[in-house]
Amino acid sequence: MTKPHKHCPVCGISIPPEERFCSPKCEETYAERARKVAKTRRMFYIILAVIIVIYIAYVFRGQLGF
């Protein structure tokens, strides 16, 4: 039977269960990807909010004086 282990979320190498990454390089790669995902998610919500505001302005255009 194999001893307990898990895998690095970036490269998939076997690592001890108490470790999170196999190397500082993988940790940096993971952090960079997380920042990109957060930035993309933030931009999505901003664009969605703008679309909703435009839609509401369009729906109520007669009542708002446009």
PDB file of N, CA and C in Angstrom:
ATOM      1  N   MET A   1       0.842  -1.173   0.000  1.00  0.00           N
ATOM      2  CA  MET A   1       0.000   0.000   0.000  1.00  0.00           C
ATOM      3  C   MET A   1       0.894   1.245   0.000  1.00  0.00           C
ATOM      4  N   THR A   2       0.473   2.273  -0.700  1.00  0.00           N
ATOM      5  CA  THR A   2       1.268   3.502  -0.753  1.00  0.00           C
ATOM      6  C   THR A   2       1.055   4.330   0.504  1.00  0.00           C
ATOM      7  N   LYS A   3       2.074   5.084   0.867  1.00  0.00           N
ATOM      8  CA  LYS A   3       1.932   5.925   2.052  1.00  0.00           C
ATOM      9  C   LYS A   3       1.080   7.144   1.706  1.00  0.00           C
ATOM     10  N   PRO A   4       0.442   7.755   2.698  1.00  0.00           N
ATOM     11  CA  PRO A   4      -0.458   8.888   2.445  1.00  0.00           C
ATOM     12  C   PRO A   4       0.277  10.036   1.741  1.00  0.00           C
ATOM     13  N   HIS A   5      -0.377  10.583   0.742  1.00  0.00           N
ATOM     14  CA  HIS A   5       0.184  11.706   0.004  1.00  0.00           C
ATOM     15  C   HIS A   5      -0.942  12.442  -0.698  1.00  0.00           C
ATOM     16  N   LYS A   6      -0.610  13.579  -1.231  1.00  0.00           N
ATOM     17  CA  LYS A   6      -1.523  14.288  -2.121  1.00  0.00           C
ATOM     18  C   LYS A   6      -0.692  14.835  -3.269  1.00  0.00           C
ATOM     19  N   HIS A   7      -1.328  15.567  -4.167  1.00  0.00           N
ATOM     20  CA  HIS A   7      -0.630  16.039  -5.357  1.00  0.00           C
ATOM     21  C   HIS A   7      -0.632  17.559  -5.421  1.00  0.00           C
ATOM     22  N   CYS A   8       0.441  18.089  -5.957  1.00  0.00           N
ATOM     23  CA  CYS A   8       0.576  19.532  -6.161  1.00  0.00           C
ATOM     24  C   CYS A   8      -0.547  19.987  -7.098  1.00  0.00           C
ATOM     25  N   PRO A   9      -1.297  21.032  -6.739  1.00  0.00           N
ATOM     26  CA  PRO A   9      -2.400  21.478  -7.600  1.00  0.00           C
ATOM     27  C   PRO A   9      -1.941  22.093  -8.925  1.00  0.00           C
ATOM     28  N   VAL A  10      -0.664  22.425  -9.043  1.00  0.00           N
ATOM     29  CA  VAL A  10      -0.162  23.052 -10.267  1.00  0.00           C
ATOM     30  C   VAL A  10       0.408  22.008 -11.220  1.00  0.00           C
ATOM     31  N   CYS A  11       1.346  21.188 -10.724  1.00  0.00           N
ATOM     32  CA  CYS A  11       2.047  20.263 -11.626  1.00  0.00           C
ATOM     33  C   CYS A  11       1.676  18.794 -11.407  1.00  0.00           C
ATOM     34  N   GLY A  12       1.029  18.462 -10.301  1.00  0.00           N
ATOM     35  CA  GLY A  12       0.574  17.100 -10.072  1.00  0.00           C
ATOM     36  C   GLY A  12       1.576  16.157  -9.444  1.00  0.00           C
ATOM     37  N   ILE A  13       2.735  16.648  -9.044  1.00  0.00           N
ATOM     38  CA  ILE A  13       3.744  15.806  -8.406  1.00  0.00           C
ATOM     39  C   ILE A  13       3.256  15.393  -7.016  1.00  0.00           C
ATOM     40  N   SER A  14       3.566  14.172  -6.604  1.00  0.00           N
ATOM     41  CA  SER A  14       3.207  13.704  -5.262  1.00  0.00           C
ATOM     42  C   SER A  14       3.963  14.506  -4.210  1.00  0.00           C
ATOM     43  N   ILE A  15       3.219  14.926  -3.182  1.00  0.00           N
ATOM     44  CA  ILE A  15       3.818  15.685  -2.080  1.00  0.00           C
ATOM     45  C   ILE A  15       3.281  15.145  -0.764  1.00  0.00           C
ATOM     46  N   PRO A  16       3.956  15.403   0.344  1.00  0.00           N
ATOM     47  CA  PRO A  16       3.445  14.964   1.644  1.00  0.00           C
ATOM     48  C   PRO A  16       2.097  15.628   1.947  1.00  0.00           C
ATOM     49  N   PRO A  17       1.248  14.981   2.739  1.00  0.00           N
ATOM     50  CA  PRO A  17      -0.091  15.519   3.010  1.00  0.00           C
ATOM     51  C   PRO A  17      -0.092  16.899   3.665  1.00  0.00           C
ATOM     52  N   GLU A  18       0.950  17.225   4.424  1.00  0.00           N
ATOM     53  CA  GLU A  18       0.958  18.517   5.121  1.00  0.00           C
ATOM     54  C   GLU A  18       1.430  19.670   4.236  1.00  0.00           C
ATOM     55  N   GLU A  19       2.009  19.362   3.084  1.00  0.00           N
ATOM     56  CA  GLU A  19       2.472  20.405   2.165  1.00  0.00           C
ATOM     57  C   GLU A  19       1.325  20.843   1.259  1.00  0.00           C
ATOM     58  N   ARG A  20       1.405  22.074   0.778  1.00  0.00           N
ATOM     59  CA  ARG A  20       0.386  22.570  -0.134  1.00  0.00           C
ATOM     60  C   ARG A  20       0.877  22.571  -1.581  1.00  0.00           C
ATOM     61  N   PHE A  21       2.165  22.860  -1.782  1.00  0.00           N
ATOM     62  CA  PHE A  21       2.771  22.895  -3.110  1.00  0.00           C
ATOM     63  C   PHE A  21       4.097  22.156  -3.072  1.00  0.00           C
ATOM     64  N   CYS A  22       4.582  21.762  -4.238  1.00  0.00           N
ATOM     65  CA  CYS A  22       5.843  21.024  -4.285  1.00  0.00           C
ATOM     66  C   CYS A  22       7.052  21.950  -4.276  1.00  0.00           C
ATOM     67  N   SER A  23       6.872  23.199  -4.704  1.00  0.00           N
ATOM     68  CA  SER A  23       8.000  24.129  -4.768  1.00  0.00           C
ATOM     69  C   SER A  23       7.495  25.567  -4.709  1.00  0.00           C
ATOM     70  N   PRO A  24       8.372  26.497  -4.396  1.00  0.00           N
ATOM     71  CA  PRO A  24       7.979  27.915  -4.424  1.00  0.00           C
ATOM     72  C   PRO A  24       7.529  28.370  -5.816  1.00  0.00           C
ATOM     73  N   LYS A  25       8.108  27.773  -6.855  1.00  0.00           N
ATOM     74  CA  LYS A  25       7.711  28.128  -8.221  1.00  0.00           C
ATOM     75  C   LYS A  25       6.237  27.784  -8.464  1.00  0.00           C
ATOM     76  N   CYS A  26       5.819  26.600  -8.021  1.00  0.00           N
ATOM     77  CA  CYS A  26       4.419  26.206  -8.181  1.00  0.00           C
ATOM     78  C   CYS A  26       3.509  27.099  -7.335  1.00  0.00           C
ATOM     79  N   GLU A  27       3.972  27.487  -6.169  1.00  0.00           N
ATOM     80  CA  GLU A  27       3.187  28.376  -5.314  1.00  0.00           C
ATOM     81  C   GLU A  27       2.996  29.739  -5.990  1.00  0.00           C
ATOM     82  N   GLU A  28       4.047  30.258  -6.620  1.00  0.00           N
ATOM     83  CA  GLU A  28       3.956  31.530  -7.341  1.00  0.00           C
ATOM     84  C   GLU A  28       3.024  31.412  -8.542  1.00  0.00           C
ATOM     85  N   THR A  29       3.125  30.298  -9.257  1.00  0.00           N
ATOM     86  CA  THR A  29       2.251  30.067 -10.409  1.00  0.00           C
ATOM     87  C   THR A  29       0.795  30.032  -9.977  1.00  0.00           C
ATOM     88  N   TYR A  30       0.523  29.342  -8.875  1.00  0.00           N
ATOM     89  CA  TYR A  30      -0.836  29.250  -8.351  1.00  0.00           C
ATOM     90  C   TYR A  30      -1.356  30.628  -7.950  1.00  0.00           C
ATOM     91  N   ALA A  31      -0.524  31.415  -7.262  1.00  0.00           N
ATOM     92  CA  ALA A  31      -0.923  32.756  -6.827  1.00  0.00           C
ATOM     93  C   ALA A  31      -1.205  33.656  -8.029  1.00  0.00           C
ATOM     94  N   GLU A  32      -0.386  33.557  -9.054  1.00  0.00           N
ATOM     95  CA  GLU A  32      -0.589  34.363 -10.263  1.00  0.00           C
ATOM     96  C   GLU A  32      -1.904  33.991 -10.944  1.00  0.00           C
ATOM     97  N   ARG A  33      -2.177  32.709 -11.047  1.00  0.00           N
ATOM     98  CA  ARG A  33      -3.446  32.270 -11.643  1.00  0.00           C
ATOM     99  C   ARG A  33      -4.626  32.760 -10.819  1.00  0.00           C
ATOM    100  N   ALA A  34      -4.503  32.693  -9.496  1.00  0.00           N
ATOM    101  CA  ALA A  34      -5.584  33.155  -8.620  1.00  0.00           C
ATOM    102  C   ALA A  34      -5.830  34.650  -8.814  1.00  0.00           C
ATOM    103  N   ARG A  35      -4.765  35.437  -8.967  1.00  0.00           N
ATOM    104  CA  ARG A  35      -4.926  36.878  -9.218  1.00  0.00           C
ATOM    105  C   ARG A  35      -5.632  37.125 -10.550  1.00  0.00           C
ATOM    106  N   LYS A  36      -5.272  36.359 -11.572  1.00  0.00           N
ATOM    107  CA  LYS A  36      -5.910  36.525 -12.879  1.00  0.00           C
ATOM    108  C   LYS A  36      -7.395  36.175 -12.813  1.00  0.00           C
ATOM    109  N   VAL A  37      -7.711  35.100 -12.107  1.00  0.00           N
ATOM    110  CA  VAL A  37      -9.112  34.696 -11.963  1.00  0.00           C
ATOM    111  C   VAL A  37      -9.891  35.770 -11.216  1.00  0.00           C
ATOM    112  N   ALA A  38      -9.311  36.314 -10.150  1.00  0.00           N
ATOM    113  CA  ALA A  38      -9.978  37.359  -9.376  1.00  0.00           C
ATOM    114  C   ALA A  38     -10.200  38.608 -10.231  1.00  0.00           C
ATOM    115  N   LYS A  39      -9.215  38.976 -11.033  1.00  0.00           N
ATOM    116  CA  LYS A  39      -9.339  40.149 -11.898  1.00  0.00           C
ATOM    117  C   LYS A  39     -10.430  39.928 -12.945  1.00  0.00           C
ATOM    118  N   THR A  40     -10.453  38.747 -13.541  1.00  0.00           N
ATOM    119  CA  THR A  40     -11.467  38.425 -14.539  1.00  0.00           C
ATOM    120  C   THR A  40     -12.859  38.442 -13.924  1.00  0.00           C
ATOM    121  N   ARG A  41     -12.993  37.867 -12.745  1.00  0.00           N
ATOM    122  CA  ARG A  41     -14.282  37.843 -12.057  1.00  0.00           C
ATOM    123  C   ARG A  41     -14.743  39.265 -11.733  1.00  0.00           C
ATOM    124  N   ARG A  42     -13.828  40.104 -11.272  1.00  0.00           N
ATOM    125  CA  ARG A  42     -14.157  41.498 -10.951  1.00  0.00           C
ATOM    126  C   ARG A  42     -14.633  42.235 -12.201  1.00  0.00           C
ATOM    127  N   MET A  43     -13.939  42.052 -13.309  1.00  0.00           N
ATOM    128  CA  MET A  43     -14.339  42.705 -14.559  1.00  0.00           C
ATOM    129  C   MET A  43     -15.708  42.209 -15.025  1.00  0.00           C
ATOM    130  N   PHE A  44     -15.970  40.924 -14.864  1.00  0.00           N
ATOM    131  CA  PHE A  44     -17.269  40.373 -15.236  1.00  0.00           C
ATOM    132  C   PHE A  44     -18.386  41.047 -14.452  1.00  0.00           C
ATOM    133  N   TYR A  45     -18.209  41.183 -13.141  1.00  0.00           N
ATOM    134  CA  TYR A  45     -19.245  41.800 -12.315  1.00  0.00           C
ATOM    135  C   TYR A  45     -19.416  43.280 -12.636  1.00  0.00           C
ATOM    136  N   ILE A  46     -18.337  43.971 -12.952  1.00  0.00           N
ATOM    137  CA  ILE A  46     -18.446  45.384 -13.332  1.00  0.00           C
ATOM    138  C   ILE A  46     -19.222  45.523 -14.636  1.00  0.00           C
ATOM    139  N   ILE A  47     -18.883  44.701 -15.621  1.00  0.00           N
ATOM    140  CA  ILE A  47     -19.587  44.749 -16.906  1.00  0.00           C
ATOM    141  C   ILE A  47     -21.051  44.371 -16.729  1.00  0.00           C
ATOM    142  N   LEU A  48     -21.326  43.362 -15.921  1.00  0.00           N
ATOM    143  CA  LEU A  48     -22.704  42.962 -15.652  1.00  0.00           C
ATOM    144  C   LEU A  48     -23.480  44.105 -15.006  1.00  0.00           C
ATOM    145  N   ALA A  49     -22.875  44.794 -14.048  1.00  0.00           N
ATOM    146  CA  ALA A  49     -23.534  45.921 -13.386  1.00  0.00           C
ATOM    147  C   ALA A  49     -23.828  47.038 -14.386  1.00  0.00           C
ATOM    148  N   VAL A  50     -22.886  47.318 -15.280  1.00  0.00           N
ATOM    149  CA  VAL A  50     -23.098  48.354 -16.297  1.00  0.00           C
ATOM    150  C   VAL A  50     -24.251  47.964 -17.217  1.00  0.00           C
ATOM    151  N   ILE A  51     -24.299  46.712 -17.620  1.00  0.00           N
ATOM    152  CA  ILE A  51     -25.388  46.244 -18.487  1.00  0.00           C
ATOM    153  C   ILE A  51     -26.730  46.376 -17.777  1.00  0.00           C
ATOM    154  N   ILE A  52     -26.778  46.036 -16.505  1.00  0.00           N
ATOM    155  CA  ILE A  52     -28.028  46.148 -15.745  1.00  0.00           C
ATOM    156  C   ILE A  52     -28.456  47.605 -15.634  1.00  0.00           C
ATOM    157  N   VAL A  53     -27.518  48.499 -15.367  1.00  0.00           N
ATOM    158  CA  VAL A  53     -27.846  49.927 -15.279  1.00  0.00           C
ATOM    159  C   VAL A  53     -28.363  50.438 -16.621  1.00  0.00           C
ATOM    160  N   ILE A  54     -27.721  50.050 -17.705  1.00  0.00           N
ATOM    161  CA  ILE A  54     -28.181  50.468 -19.036  1.00  0.00           C
ATOM    162  C   ILE A  54     -29.575  49.914 -19.312  1.00  0.00           C
ATOM    163  N   TYR A  55     -29.806  48.668 -18.950  1.00  0.00           N
ATOM    164  CA  TYR A  55     -31.125  48.058 -19.158  1.00  0.00           C
ATOM    165  C   TYR A  55     -32.198  48.796 -18.365  1.00  0.00           C
ATOM    166  N   ILE A  56     -31.912  49.080 -17.104  1.00  0.00           N
ATOM    167  CA  ILE A  56     -32.887  49.792 -16.265  1.00  0.00           C
ATOM    168  C   ILE A  56     -33.144  51.189 -16.829  1.00  0.00           C
ATOM    169  N   ALA A  57     -32.099  51.865 -17.277  1.00  0.00           N
ATOM    170  CA  ALA A  57     -32.276  53.186 -17.884  1.00  0.00           C
ATOM    171  C   ALA A  57     -33.127  53.085 -19.146  1.00  0.00           C
ATOM    172  N   TYR A  58     -32.939  52.032 -19.928  1.00  0.00           N
ATOM    173  CA  TYR A  58     -33.728  51.840 -21.144  1.00  0.00           C
ATOM    174  C   TYR A  58     -35.191  51.567 -20.813  1.00  0.00           C
ATOM    175  N   VAL A  59     -35.434  50.714 -19.833  1.00  0.00           N
ATOM    176  CA  VAL A  59     -36.805  50.356 -19.466  1.00  0.00           C
ATOM    177  C   VAL A  59     -37.558  51.570 -18.928  1.00  0.00           C
ATOM    178  N   PHE A  60     -36.889  52.376 -18.124  1.00  0.00           N
ATOM    179  CA  PHE A  60     -37.543  53.526 -17.508  1.00  0.00           C
ATOM    180  C   PHE A  60     -37.208  54.840 -18.218  1.00  0.00           C
ATOM    181  N   ARG A  61     -36.822  54.769 -19.492  1.00  0.00           N
ATOM    182  CA  ARG A  61     -36.359  55.966 -20.196  1.00  0.00           C
ATOM    183  C   ARG A  61     -37.420  57.061 -20.260  1.00  0.00           C
ATOM    184  N   GLY A  62     -38.678  56.717 -20.388  1.00  0.00           N
ATOM    185  CA  GLY A  62     -39.737  57.727 -20.446  1.00  0.00           C
ATOM    186  C   GLY A  62     -39.964  58.394 -19.101  1.00  0.00           C
ATOM    187  N   GLN A  63     -39.824  57.644 -18.034  1.00  0.00           N
ATOM    188  CA  GLN A  63     -40.066  58.172 -16.692  1.00  0.00           C
ATOM    189  C   GLN A  63     -38.874  58.953 -16.158  1.00  0.00           C
ATOM    190  N   LEU A  64     -37.692  58.682 -16.690  1.00  0.00           N
ATOM    191  CA  LEU A  64     -36.485  59.355 -16.206  1.00  0.00           C
ATOM    192  C   LEU A  64     -36.173  60.622 -16.995  1.00  0.00           C
ATOM    193  N   GLY A  65     -36.901  60.864 -18.071  1.00  0.00           N
ATOM    194  CA  GLY A  65     -36.698  62.079 -18.853  1.00  0.00           C
ATOM    195  C   GLY A  65     -35.690  61.945 -19.974  1.00  0.00           C
ATOM    196  N   PHE A  66     -35.367  60.752 -20.384  1.00  0.00           N
ATOM    197  CA  PHE A  66     -34.435  60.562 -21.510  1.00  0.00           C
ATOM    198  C   PHE A  66     -35.173  60.590 -22.816  1.00  0.00           C
TER     199      PHE A  66
END
